[in-house]
Amino acid sequence: MRIRPLAVGGALEITPVQHRDARGMLLECYRRDEFARLLGHPVELVQANLSTSARGVVRGIHFADVPPGQAKLVTCVAGAVLDVAVDLRVGSPTFGRWEAVRLDDEDRRAVYLAEGLGHAFCALTEGATMMYLCSAEYRPGHEHGVDPLDPSLGIPWPTTEPRLSGKDAAAPGLAAAEAAGLLPGYDDCRAYLDARRTGLGTRRTN
């Protein structure tokens, strides 16, 4: 697999090698040893989610409290989406920056997002199907969102009429989320990951 760092610190684009023959195709979409070598700590994937979306649906921008946060490895297994990583870590050198990657069922690329980053996507096709592999279980009350249409972020969603859930439509903008203390701190994220790299990290379950 080929791995490219994105402009958002802690986000990676992964392009797998596809092995094709008359029967079909096979690829490696995740290798624990490769991620451990690259990140300095293993990525323990404990929950898998799958979603389907109609064309023009925008989901996100979603993130979780840190610690423990929720690192994600996301890919589009059917159709196509514009996938967006957003740096929501207050104090980060790339705070407020985002980068978009097309994920589809042709190139089979994936995006890895470290703890503290925000994630969103727009479905480019009907029935776009996304698979998320997550490093922590879903924890109600510790999951948050930022308005994906916030003009201060300026994400050019490829649809004239974004279709949002009620929860996403009501999410605060970046500045309001920061003022309310909802966003993760860059130093907290670094300390959490440093502790994991040295084997001292602990998983908070409440």
N, C-alpha and C. Protein backbone atom coordinates (compact mmCIF):
# COMPACT_ATOMS: atom_id res chain seq x y z
N MET A 1 0.84 -1.19 0.00
CA MET A 1 0.00 0.00 0.00
C MET A 1 0.88 1.26 0.00
N ARG A 2 0.36 2.31 -0.61
CA ARG A 2 1.07 3.59 -0.63
C ARG A 2 0.37 4.55 0.33
N ILE A 3 1.15 5.19 1.20
CA ILE A 3 0.58 6.06 2.22
C ILE A 3 1.10 7.48 2.03
N ARG A 4 0.16 8.44 1.98
CA ARG A 4 0.51 9.84 1.77
C ARG A 4 -0.06 10.68 2.91
N PRO A 5 0.79 11.43 3.64
CA PRO A 5 0.26 12.34 4.65
C PRO A 5 -0.56 13.45 4.00
N LEU A 6 -1.68 13.80 4.61
CA LEU A 6 -2.49 14.91 4.14
C LEU A 6 -2.01 16.22 4.77
N ALA A 7 -2.58 17.32 4.30
CA ALA A 7 -2.19 18.63 4.83
C ALA A 7 -2.62 18.80 6.28
N VAL A 8 -3.57 18.00 6.71
CA VAL A 8 -4.02 18.01 8.11
C VAL A 8 -3.16 17.02 8.89
N GLY A 9 -2.44 17.51 9.88
CA GLY A 9 -1.58 16.64 10.67
C GLY A 9 -2.36 15.49 11.29
N GLY A 10 -1.86 14.26 11.13
CA GLY A 10 -2.53 13.10 11.70
C GLY A 10 -3.51 12.43 10.76
N ALA A 11 -3.63 12.94 9.54
CA ALA A 11 -4.51 12.32 8.54
C ALA A 11 -3.66 11.75 7.41
N LEU A 12 -4.03 10.57 6.96
CA LEU A 12 -3.27 9.87 5.93
C LEU A 12 -4.21 9.38 4.83
N GLU A 13 -3.72 9.42 3.61
CA GLU A 13 -4.41 8.79 2.49
C GLU A 13 -3.70 7.49 2.18
N ILE A 14 -4.47 6.40 2.12
CA ILE A 14 -3.90 5.08 1.87
C ILE A 14 -4.42 4.56 0.53
N THR A 15 -3.50 4.26 -0.37
CA THR A 15 -3.87 3.69 -1.67
C THR A 15 -3.39 2.25 -1.71
N PRO A 16 -4.30 1.28 -1.73
CA PRO A 16 -3.89 -0.12 -1.68
C PRO A 16 -3.44 -0.64 -3.05
N VAL A 17 -2.71 -1.72 -3.03
CA VAL A 17 -2.37 -2.45 -4.25
C VAL A 17 -3.50 -3.45 -4.52
N GLN A 18 -4.10 -3.36 -5.69
CA GLN A 18 -5.19 -4.27 -6.04
C GLN A 18 -4.65 -5.41 -6.91
N HIS A 19 -4.93 -6.61 -6.49
CA HIS A 19 -4.51 -7.80 -7.24
C HIS A 19 -5.73 -8.32 -7.99
N ARG A 20 -5.70 -8.19 -9.30
CA ARG A 20 -6.84 -8.55 -10.13
C ARG A 20 -6.51 -9.76 -11.02
N ASP A 21 -7.53 -10.56 -11.24
CA ASP A 21 -7.44 -11.62 -12.24
C ASP A 21 -8.86 -11.89 -12.74
N ALA A 22 -9.04 -12.98 -13.48
CA ALA A 22 -10.34 -13.26 -14.08
C ALA A 22 -11.44 -13.46 -13.04
N ARG A 23 -11.08 -13.79 -11.82
CA ARG A 23 -12.08 -14.03 -10.77
C ARG A 23 -12.59 -12.74 -10.14
N GLY A 24 -11.74 -11.69 -10.14
CA GLY A 24 -12.10 -10.46 -9.47
C GLY A 24 -10.89 -9.75 -8.91
N MET A 25 -10.97 -9.31 -7.66
CA MET A 25 -9.93 -8.48 -7.08
C MET A 25 -9.74 -8.80 -5.60
N LEU A 26 -8.49 -8.64 -5.12
CA LEU A 26 -8.16 -8.78 -3.71
C LEU A 26 -7.20 -7.67 -3.34
N LEU A 27 -7.36 -7.11 -2.14
CA LEU A 27 -6.42 -6.10 -1.65
C LEU A 27 -6.32 -6.18 -0.14
N GLU A 28 -5.21 -5.67 0.40
CA GLU A 28 -5.05 -5.49 1.85
C GLU A 28 -5.51 -4.08 2.19
N CYS A 29 -6.52 -3.98 3.06
CA CYS A 29 -7.02 -2.66 3.43
C CYS A 29 -6.51 -2.21 4.80
N TYR A 30 -5.93 -3.12 5.56
CA TYR A 30 -5.39 -2.74 6.87
C TYR A 30 -4.35 -3.77 7.30
N ARG A 31 -3.20 -3.24 7.79
CA ARG A 31 -2.18 -4.10 8.39
C ARG A 31 -1.72 -3.43 9.68
N ARG A 32 -1.94 -4.13 10.78
CA ARG A 32 -1.59 -3.61 12.09
C ARG A 32 -0.11 -3.24 12.19
N ASP A 33 0.77 -4.10 11.63
CA ASP A 33 2.20 -3.84 11.74
C ASP A 33 2.62 -2.60 10.95
N GLU A 34 2.00 -2.38 9.79
CA GLU A 34 2.34 -1.21 8.98
C GLU A 34 1.93 0.08 9.68
N PHE A 35 0.75 0.09 10.27
CA PHE A 35 0.30 1.29 10.97
C PHE A 35 1.14 1.54 12.22
N ALA A 36 1.49 0.48 12.93
CA ALA A 36 2.33 0.64 14.12
C ALA A 36 3.69 1.21 13.76
N ARG A 37 4.24 0.75 12.66
CA ARG A 37 5.53 1.27 12.20
C ARG A 37 5.43 2.74 11.82
N LEU A 38 4.37 3.09 11.14
CA LEU A 38 4.21 4.46 10.65
C LEU A 38 3.87 5.45 11.77
N LEU A 39 2.97 5.04 12.68
CA LEU A 39 2.47 5.95 13.70
C LEU A 39 3.24 5.87 15.01
N GLY A 40 3.99 4.81 15.20
CA GLY A 40 4.71 4.64 16.45
C GLY A 40 3.91 3.94 17.52
N HIS A 41 2.71 3.51 17.19
CA HIS A 41 1.87 2.75 18.12
C HIS A 41 0.87 1.95 17.30
N PRO A 42 0.41 0.81 17.80
CA PRO A 42 -0.58 0.03 17.05
C PRO A 42 -1.94 0.72 17.05
N VAL A 43 -2.68 0.53 16.00
CA VAL A 43 -4.05 1.02 15.92
C VAL A 43 -4.97 -0.17 16.22
N GLU A 44 -5.56 -0.16 17.39
CA GLU A 44 -6.46 -1.24 17.79
C GLU A 44 -7.86 -0.88 17.30
N LEU A 45 -8.37 -1.63 16.35
CA LEU A 45 -9.68 -1.37 15.77
C LEU A 45 -10.72 -2.24 16.48
N VAL A 46 -11.66 -1.58 17.15
CA VAL A 46 -12.58 -2.30 18.03
C VAL A 46 -14.04 -2.21 17.61
N GLN A 47 -14.35 -1.36 16.62
CA GLN A 47 -15.73 -1.23 16.18
C GLN A 47 -15.74 -0.96 14.69
N ALA A 48 -16.69 -1.57 13.97
CA ALA A 48 -16.86 -1.34 12.54
C ALA A 48 -18.26 -0.82 12.29
N ASN A 49 -18.36 0.27 11.52
CA ASN A 49 -19.64 0.86 11.16
C ASN A 49 -19.78 0.89 9.64
N LEU A 50 -21.00 0.80 9.16
CA LEU A 50 -21.28 0.90 7.74
C LEU A 50 -22.47 1.82 7.54
N SER A 51 -22.36 2.73 6.57
CA SER A 51 -23.48 3.62 6.27
C SER A 51 -23.70 3.68 4.77
N THR A 52 -24.94 3.89 4.38
CA THR A 52 -25.27 4.17 2.98
C THR A 52 -25.90 5.55 2.92
N SER A 53 -25.64 6.27 1.82
CA SER A 53 -26.13 7.64 1.70
C SER A 53 -26.60 7.92 0.28
N ALA A 54 -27.67 8.68 0.17
CA ALA A 54 -28.14 9.13 -1.13
C ALA A 54 -27.22 10.23 -1.65
N ARG A 55 -27.23 10.44 -2.95
CA ARG A 55 -26.41 11.49 -3.55
C ARG A 55 -26.73 12.85 -2.91
N GLY A 56 -25.71 13.59 -2.58
CA GLY A 56 -25.89 14.92 -2.01
C GLY A 56 -25.97 14.94 -0.49
N VAL A 57 -26.01 13.77 0.14
CA VAL A 57 -26.01 13.72 1.61
C VAL A 57 -24.63 14.11 2.12
N VAL A 58 -24.60 14.97 3.12
CA VAL A 58 -23.37 15.35 3.81
C VAL A 58 -23.47 14.87 5.25
N ARG A 59 -22.50 14.09 5.67
CA ARG A 59 -22.45 13.60 7.06
C ARG A 59 -21.22 14.18 7.74
N GLY A 60 -21.41 14.69 8.96
CA GLY A 60 -20.30 15.30 9.69
C GLY A 60 -20.54 16.80 9.83
N ILE A 61 -19.57 17.44 10.41
CA ILE A 61 -18.22 17.05 10.80
C ILE A 61 -18.27 16.45 12.21
N HIS A 62 -17.85 15.19 12.35
CA HIS A 62 -17.96 14.48 13.62
C HIS A 62 -16.60 14.28 14.26
N PHE A 63 -16.58 14.31 15.60
CA PHE A 63 -15.36 14.06 16.36
C PHE A 63 -15.74 13.59 17.76
N ALA A 64 -14.75 13.09 18.50
CA ALA A 64 -14.98 12.57 19.85
C ALA A 64 -14.03 13.23 20.84
N ASP A 65 -14.43 13.21 22.10
CA ASP A 65 -13.57 13.72 23.17
C ASP A 65 -12.25 12.96 23.20
N VAL A 66 -11.19 13.68 23.56
CA VAL A 66 -9.87 13.06 23.74
C VAL A 66 -9.39 13.38 25.16
N PRO A 67 -8.98 12.35 25.95
CA PRO A 67 -8.94 10.94 25.59
C PRO A 67 -10.31 10.29 25.69
N PRO A 68 -10.51 9.09 25.11
CA PRO A 68 -9.56 8.43 24.23
C PRO A 68 -9.70 8.82 22.78
N GLY A 69 -10.72 9.63 22.46
CA GLY A 69 -10.93 9.95 21.07
C GLY A 69 -11.38 8.74 20.29
N GLN A 70 -11.37 8.89 18.98
CA GLN A 70 -11.74 7.76 18.12
C GLN A 70 -11.03 7.92 16.79
N ALA A 71 -9.90 7.22 16.65
CA ALA A 71 -9.23 7.19 15.35
C ALA A 71 -10.11 6.38 14.40
N LYS A 72 -10.06 6.74 13.10
CA LYS A 72 -10.91 6.07 12.12
C LYS A 72 -10.11 5.74 10.87
N LEU A 73 -10.40 4.59 10.31
CA LEU A 73 -9.94 4.22 8.98
C LEU A 73 -11.19 4.06 8.14
N VAL A 74 -11.37 4.95 7.16
CA VAL A 74 -12.63 4.99 6.41
C VAL A 74 -12.36 4.72 4.93
N THR A 75 -13.28 4.02 4.31
CA THR A 75 -13.19 3.76 2.88
C THR A 75 -14.59 3.63 2.31
N CYS A 76 -14.70 3.85 1.02
CA CYS A 76 -15.98 3.75 0.32
C CYS A 76 -16.01 2.42 -0.42
N VAL A 77 -16.86 1.51 0.02
CA VAL A 77 -16.87 0.17 -0.57
C VAL A 77 -17.82 0.06 -1.76
N ALA A 78 -18.70 1.06 -1.95
CA ALA A 78 -19.58 1.08 -3.11
C ALA A 78 -19.94 2.52 -3.44
N GLY A 79 -19.82 2.88 -4.72
CA GLY A 79 -20.10 4.26 -5.11
C GLY A 79 -18.90 5.16 -4.89
N ALA A 80 -19.17 6.43 -4.58
CA ALA A 80 -18.10 7.40 -4.42
C ALA A 80 -18.52 8.50 -3.46
N VAL A 81 -17.55 9.02 -2.71
CA VAL A 81 -17.79 10.15 -1.81
C VAL A 81 -16.61 11.11 -1.90
N LEU A 82 -16.84 12.34 -1.49
CA LEU A 82 -15.76 13.29 -1.22
C LEU A 82 -15.56 13.27 0.29
N ASP A 83 -14.44 12.73 0.73
CA ASP A 83 -14.15 12.55 2.15
C ASP A 83 -13.28 13.70 2.64
N VAL A 84 -13.59 14.24 3.81
CA VAL A 84 -12.90 15.43 4.31
C VAL A 84 -12.41 15.21 5.73
N ALA A 85 -11.11 15.48 5.93
CA ALA A 85 -10.51 15.49 7.26
C ALA A 85 -10.34 16.94 7.69
N VAL A 86 -10.74 17.26 8.91
CA VAL A 86 -10.68 18.63 9.42
C VAL A 86 -9.93 18.64 10.74
N ASP A 87 -8.97 19.55 10.87
CA ASP A 87 -8.24 19.65 12.13
C ASP A 87 -9.02 20.52 13.10
N LEU A 88 -9.56 19.87 14.14
CA LEU A 88 -10.35 20.56 15.17
C LEU A 88 -9.59 20.70 16.48
N ARG A 89 -8.30 20.38 16.48
CA ARG A 89 -7.51 20.39 17.71
C ARG A 89 -7.01 21.79 18.00
N VAL A 90 -7.55 22.38 19.05
CA VAL A 90 -7.19 23.76 19.41
C VAL A 90 -5.70 23.82 19.76
N GLY A 91 -4.99 24.73 19.09
CA GLY A 91 -3.55 24.86 19.32
C GLY A 91 -2.71 24.13 18.29
N SER A 92 -3.34 23.36 17.41
CA SER A 92 -2.61 22.64 16.38
C SER A 92 -2.07 23.60 15.32
N PRO A 93 -0.90 23.32 14.76
CA PRO A 93 -0.39 24.15 13.66
C PRO A 93 -1.31 24.17 12.45
N THR A 94 -2.16 23.13 12.32
CA THR A 94 -3.07 23.09 11.18
C THR A 94 -4.53 23.25 11.63
N PHE A 95 -4.76 23.89 12.77
CA PHE A 95 -6.13 24.07 13.29
C PHE A 95 -6.99 24.78 12.25
N GLY A 96 -8.18 24.22 12.01
CA GLY A 96 -9.11 24.81 11.06
C GLY A 96 -8.84 24.44 9.62
N ARG A 97 -7.73 23.74 9.36
CA ARG A 97 -7.42 23.33 8.00
C ARG A 97 -8.14 22.03 7.66
N TRP A 98 -8.44 21.84 6.40
CA TRP A 98 -9.08 20.61 5.96
C TRP A 98 -8.47 20.16 4.64
N GLU A 99 -8.66 18.88 4.33
CA GLU A 99 -8.27 18.36 3.03
C GLU A 99 -9.29 17.32 2.61
N ALA A 100 -9.62 17.34 1.32
CA ALA A 100 -10.62 16.43 0.78
C ALA A 100 -9.95 15.39 -0.11
N VAL A 101 -10.47 14.16 -0.06
CA VAL A 101 -9.98 13.05 -0.87
C VAL A 101 -11.19 12.32 -1.45
N ARG A 102 -11.14 12.04 -2.73
CA ARG A 102 -12.20 11.22 -3.32
C ARG A 102 -11.97 9.76 -2.97
N LEU A 103 -12.97 9.13 -2.38
CA LEU A 103 -12.93 7.70 -2.09
C LEU A 103 -13.99 7.03 -2.95
N ASP A 104 -13.63 5.95 -3.61
CA ASP A 104 -14.59 5.27 -4.48
C ASP A 104 -14.27 3.79 -4.59
N ASP A 105 -15.12 3.08 -5.32
CA ASP A 105 -14.95 1.64 -5.45
C ASP A 105 -14.11 1.26 -6.67
N GLU A 106 -13.37 2.23 -7.20
CA GLU A 106 -12.42 1.96 -8.29
C GLU A 106 -10.99 1.95 -7.75
N ASP A 107 -10.54 3.09 -7.21
CA ASP A 107 -9.18 3.18 -6.67
C ASP A 107 -9.07 2.54 -5.28
N ARG A 108 -10.21 2.45 -4.57
CA ARG A 108 -10.26 1.80 -3.26
C ARG A 108 -9.37 2.48 -2.22
N ARG A 109 -9.18 3.79 -2.37
CA ARG A 109 -8.38 4.50 -1.37
C ARG A 109 -9.12 4.52 -0.03
N ALA A 110 -8.35 4.78 1.03
CA ALA A 110 -8.90 4.94 2.37
C ALA A 110 -8.26 6.16 3.00
N VAL A 111 -8.87 6.67 4.06
CA VAL A 111 -8.32 7.79 4.83
C VAL A 111 -8.25 7.36 6.29
N TYR A 112 -7.09 7.61 6.90
CA TYR A 112 -6.93 7.40 8.34
C TYR A 112 -6.96 8.75 9.02
N LEU A 113 -7.73 8.86 10.10
CA LEU A 113 -7.84 10.09 10.88
C LEU A 113 -7.48 9.79 12.32
N ALA A 114 -6.48 10.49 12.82
CA ALA A 114 -6.05 10.30 14.21
C ALA A 114 -7.08 10.89 15.18
N GLU A 115 -6.92 10.52 16.43
CA GLU A 115 -7.78 11.04 17.49
C GLU A 115 -7.75 12.57 17.49
N GLY A 116 -8.92 13.18 17.60
CA GLY A 116 -9.00 14.64 17.66
C GLY A 116 -9.36 15.30 16.35
N LEU A 117 -9.24 14.57 15.25
CA LEU A 117 -9.60 15.14 13.95
C LEU A 117 -11.09 14.99 13.69
N GLY A 118 -11.62 15.91 12.91
CA GLY A 118 -13.01 15.82 12.50
C GLY A 118 -13.13 15.12 11.17
N HIS A 119 -14.27 14.47 10.95
CA HIS A 119 -14.49 13.71 9.72
C HIS A 119 -15.86 14.04 9.14
N ALA A 120 -15.88 14.20 7.83
CA ALA A 120 -17.14 14.44 7.12
C ALA A 120 -17.00 13.92 5.70
N PHE A 121 -18.14 13.72 5.05
CA PHE A 121 -18.09 13.36 3.63
C PHE A 121 -19.39 13.74 2.95
N CYS A 122 -19.32 13.83 1.63
CA CYS A 122 -20.49 14.07 0.79
C CYS A 122 -20.62 12.93 -0.19
N ALA A 123 -21.80 12.34 -0.29
CA ALA A 123 -22.03 11.25 -1.23
C ALA A 123 -22.13 11.79 -2.65
N LEU A 124 -21.30 11.25 -3.52
CA LEU A 124 -21.28 11.67 -4.92
C LEU A 124 -22.17 10.80 -5.81
N THR A 125 -22.59 9.66 -5.27
CA THR A 125 -23.42 8.72 -6.02
C THR A 125 -24.57 8.25 -5.14
N GLU A 126 -25.61 7.73 -5.76
CA GLU A 126 -26.70 7.12 -5.00
C GLU A 126 -26.19 5.86 -4.30
N GLY A 127 -26.59 5.69 -3.06
CA GLY A 127 -26.23 4.49 -2.32
C GLY A 127 -24.76 4.38 -1.99
N ALA A 128 -24.07 5.50 -1.90
CA ALA A 128 -22.65 5.47 -1.53
C ALA A 128 -22.51 4.78 -0.18
N THR A 129 -21.65 3.77 -0.12
CA THR A 129 -21.54 2.95 1.09
C THR A 129 -20.17 3.13 1.71
N MET A 130 -20.15 3.58 2.95
CA MET A 130 -18.91 3.85 3.67
C MET A 130 -18.72 2.83 4.78
N MET A 131 -17.47 2.38 4.92
CA MET A 131 -17.08 1.50 6.01
C MET A 131 -16.10 2.24 6.91
N TYR A 132 -16.38 2.25 8.21
CA TYR A 132 -15.52 2.90 9.19
C TYR A 132 -14.98 1.83 10.14
N LEU A 133 -13.68 1.77 10.29
CA LEU A 133 -13.07 0.95 11.33
C LEU A 133 -12.56 1.90 12.40
N CYS A 134 -13.00 1.70 13.65
CA CYS A 134 -12.79 2.69 14.71
C CYS A 134 -11.96 2.12 15.85
N SER A 135 -11.17 2.99 16.48
CA SER A 135 -10.28 2.57 17.57
C SER A 135 -10.97 2.58 18.93
N ALA A 136 -12.18 3.09 19.00
CA ALA A 136 -12.91 3.13 20.27
C ALA A 136 -14.40 2.97 19.97
N GLU A 137 -15.12 2.43 20.94
CA GLU A 137 -16.55 2.24 20.77
C GLU A 137 -17.27 3.59 20.79
N TYR A 138 -18.45 3.62 20.18
CA TYR A 138 -19.30 4.81 20.22
C TYR A 138 -19.73 5.06 21.66
N ARG A 139 -19.60 6.29 22.11
CA ARG A 139 -19.94 6.65 23.48
C ARG A 139 -20.88 7.85 23.47
N PRO A 140 -22.17 7.64 23.62
CA PRO A 140 -23.11 8.77 23.65
C PRO A 140 -22.69 9.79 24.71
N GLY A 141 -22.80 11.03 24.37
CA GLY A 141 -22.41 12.09 25.30
C GLY A 141 -20.97 12.54 25.13
N HIS A 142 -20.15 11.74 24.42
CA HIS A 142 -18.75 12.11 24.19
C HIS A 142 -18.47 12.31 22.70
N GLU A 143 -19.53 12.28 21.90
CA GLU A 143 -19.41 12.50 20.46
C GLU A 143 -20.03 13.85 20.13
N HIS A 144 -19.36 14.62 19.26
CA HIS A 144 -19.79 15.98 18.97
C HIS A 144 -19.71 16.26 17.48
N GLY A 145 -20.18 17.44 17.10
CA GLY A 145 -20.14 17.82 15.70
C GLY A 145 -19.89 19.30 15.51
N VAL A 146 -19.40 19.64 14.35
CA VAL A 146 -19.23 21.03 13.90
C VAL A 146 -19.98 21.17 12.59
N ASP A 147 -20.59 22.31 12.38
CA ASP A 147 -21.39 22.58 11.19
C ASP A 147 -20.54 22.40 9.92
N PRO A 148 -20.90 21.45 9.06
CA PRO A 148 -20.10 21.24 7.85
C PRO A 148 -20.24 22.38 6.84
N LEU A 149 -21.25 23.23 7.02
CA LEU A 149 -21.46 24.36 6.12
C LEU A 149 -20.91 25.66 6.68
N ASP A 150 -20.16 25.58 7.77
CA ASP A 150 -19.59 26.78 8.39
C ASP A 150 -18.75 27.53 7.36
N PRO A 151 -19.12 28.79 7.05
CA PRO A 151 -18.37 29.54 6.04
C PRO A 151 -16.93 29.82 6.42
N SER A 152 -16.61 29.78 7.73
CA SER A 152 -15.22 30.01 8.13
C SER A 152 -14.32 28.86 7.71
N LEU A 153 -14.90 27.66 7.55
CA LEU A 153 -14.14 26.52 7.04
C LEU A 153 -14.09 26.55 5.52
N GLY A 154 -15.20 26.92 4.91
CA GLY A 154 -15.23 27.09 3.46
C GLY A 154 -15.05 25.80 2.68
N ILE A 155 -15.61 24.71 3.17
CA ILE A 155 -15.51 23.45 2.44
C ILE A 155 -16.45 23.51 1.23
N PRO A 156 -15.92 23.36 0.02
CA PRO A 156 -16.77 23.46 -1.19
C PRO A 156 -17.46 22.14 -1.50
N TRP A 157 -18.51 21.84 -0.78
CA TRP A 157 -19.21 20.58 -0.99
C TRP A 157 -19.74 20.50 -2.42
N PRO A 158 -19.57 19.35 -3.06
CA PRO A 158 -19.95 19.22 -4.48
C PRO A 158 -21.44 18.95 -4.68
N THR A 159 -22.27 19.80 -4.10
CA THR A 159 -23.72 19.69 -4.26
C THR A 159 -24.32 21.06 -3.99
N THR A 160 -25.34 21.41 -4.74
CA THR A 160 -25.98 22.71 -4.54
C THR A 160 -26.96 22.69 -3.38
N GLU A 161 -27.41 21.49 -2.99
CA GLU A 161 -28.35 21.36 -1.89
C GLU A 161 -27.90 20.25 -0.95
N PRO A 162 -26.96 20.55 -0.05
CA PRO A 162 -26.48 19.51 0.89
C PRO A 162 -27.64 18.99 1.74
N ARG A 163 -27.69 17.69 1.89
CA ARG A 163 -28.74 17.04 2.69
C ARG A 163 -28.12 16.60 4.01
N LEU A 164 -28.51 17.28 5.10
CA LEU A 164 -27.93 17.04 6.42
C LEU A 164 -28.98 16.45 7.36
N SER A 165 -28.50 15.71 8.35
CA SER A 165 -29.38 15.29 9.43
C SER A 165 -29.72 16.51 10.28
N GLY A 166 -30.79 16.40 11.07
CA GLY A 166 -31.15 17.50 11.96
C GLY A 166 -30.04 17.82 12.93
N LYS A 167 -29.36 16.78 13.42
CA LYS A 167 -28.28 16.96 14.38
C LYS A 167 -27.10 17.70 13.75
N ASP A 168 -26.73 17.31 12.53
CA ASP A 168 -25.61 17.98 11.87
C ASP A 168 -25.97 19.41 11.50
N ALA A 169 -27.21 19.64 11.08
CA ALA A 169 -27.63 20.99 10.71
C ALA A 169 -27.62 21.93 11.91
N ALA A 170 -27.84 21.38 13.11
CA ALA A 170 -27.87 22.20 14.33
C ALA A 170 -26.52 22.32 15.00
N ALA A 171 -25.48 21.68 14.47
CA ALA A 171 -24.17 21.71 15.10
C ALA A 171 -23.58 23.12 15.05
N PRO A 172 -22.82 23.51 16.06
CA PRO A 172 -22.23 24.85 16.09
C PRO A 172 -21.12 25.00 15.05
N GLY A 173 -20.84 26.23 14.67
CA GLY A 173 -19.69 26.51 13.83
C GLY A 173 -18.40 26.30 14.60
N LEU A 174 -17.29 26.39 13.89
CA LEU A 174 -15.99 26.13 14.51
C LEU A 174 -15.72 27.08 15.67
N ALA A 175 -15.94 28.37 15.48
CA ALA A 175 -15.66 29.36 16.53
C ALA A 175 -16.54 29.13 17.74
N ALA A 176 -17.83 28.84 17.50
CA ALA A 176 -18.75 28.61 18.62
C ALA A 176 -18.39 27.34 19.37
N ALA A 177 -18.00 26.30 18.66
CA ALA A 177 -17.60 25.06 19.31
C ALA A 177 -16.35 25.27 20.15
N GLU A 178 -15.41 26.06 19.64
CA GLU A 178 -14.20 26.36 20.43
C GLU A 178 -14.55 27.16 21.67
N ALA A 179 -15.41 28.18 21.52
CA ALA A 179 -15.79 29.02 22.65
C ALA A 179 -16.52 28.21 23.72
N ALA A 180 -17.25 27.19 23.31
CA ALA A 180 -18.01 26.36 24.26
C ALA A 180 -17.14 25.28 24.90
N GLY A 181 -15.87 25.20 24.49
CA GLY A 181 -14.98 24.20 25.07
C GLY A 181 -15.24 22.78 24.58
N LEU A 182 -15.87 22.65 23.41
CA LEU A 182 -16.19 21.31 22.90
C LEU A 182 -15.03 20.66 22.17
N LEU A 183 -14.12 21.47 21.64
CA LEU A 183 -13.08 20.93 20.77
C LEU A 183 -11.93 20.34 21.58
N PRO A 184 -11.30 19.30 21.05
CA PRO A 184 -10.13 18.71 21.73
C PRO A 184 -8.93 19.65 21.66
N GLY A 185 -8.07 19.56 22.65
CA GLY A 185 -6.85 20.35 22.65
C GLY A 185 -5.71 19.60 21.98
N TYR A 186 -4.91 20.32 21.23
CA TYR A 186 -3.79 19.69 20.53
C TYR A 186 -2.81 19.06 21.52
N ASP A 187 -2.52 19.76 22.62
CA ASP A 187 -1.58 19.21 23.61
C ASP A 187 -2.14 17.95 24.26
N ASP A 188 -3.45 17.93 24.51
CA ASP A 188 -4.08 16.74 25.08
C ASP A 188 -3.97 15.55 24.13
N CYS A 189 -4.19 15.82 22.85
CA CYS A 189 -4.08 14.75 21.85
C CYS A 189 -2.66 14.22 21.76
N ARG A 190 -1.69 15.12 21.77
CA ARG A 190 -0.29 14.70 21.70
C ARG A 190 0.10 13.89 22.93
N ALA A 191 -0.34 14.35 24.11
CA ALA A 191 0.00 13.65 25.34
C ALA A 191 -0.62 12.25 25.35
N TYR A 192 -1.84 12.14 24.87
CA TYR A 192 -2.51 10.84 24.82
C TYR A 192 -1.77 9.88 23.90
N LEU A 193 -1.40 10.36 22.72
CA LEU A 193 -0.69 9.50 21.77
C LEU A 193 0.72 9.19 22.24
N ASP A 194 1.38 10.16 22.88
CA ASP A 194 2.72 9.89 23.42
C ASP A 194 2.67 8.80 24.48
N ALA A 195 1.62 8.84 25.32
CA ALA A 195 1.48 7.81 26.34
C ALA A 195 1.25 6.44 25.71
N ARG A 196 0.51 6.40 24.65
CA ARG A 196 0.29 5.12 23.96
C ARG A 196 1.59 4.61 23.36
N ARG A 197 2.39 5.50 22.82
CA ARG A 197 3.65 5.07 22.20
C ARG A 197 4.62 4.51 23.23
N THR A 198 4.53 4.99 24.46
CA THR A 198 5.41 4.49 25.50
C THR A 198 4.77 3.37 26.31
N GLY A 199 3.58 2.95 25.91
CA GLY A 199 2.92 1.84 26.58
C GLY A 199 2.23 2.22 27.86
N LEU A 200 2.05 3.55 28.08
CA LEU A 200 1.44 3.99 29.33
C LEU A 200 0.01 4.44 29.17
N GLY A 201 -0.49 4.39 27.93
CA GLY A 201 -1.85 4.86 27.68
C GLY A 201 -2.87 3.95 28.33
N THR A 202 -3.98 4.53 28.74
CA THR A 202 -5.08 3.75 29.30
C THR A 202 -6.36 4.15 28.57
N ARG A 203 -7.26 3.21 28.46
CA ARG A 203 -8.53 3.44 27.78
C ARG A 203 -9.59 3.84 28.80
N ARG A 204 -10.18 5.01 28.58
CA ARG A 204 -11.26 5.46 29.45
C ARG A 204 -12.57 4.91 28.93
N THR A 205 -13.34 4.31 29.79
CA THR A 205 -14.55 3.64 29.34
C THR A 205 -15.83 4.34 29.75
N ASN A 206 -15.77 5.38 30.54
CA ASN A 206 -17.00 6.03 30.97
C ASN A 206 -17.45 7.04 29.93
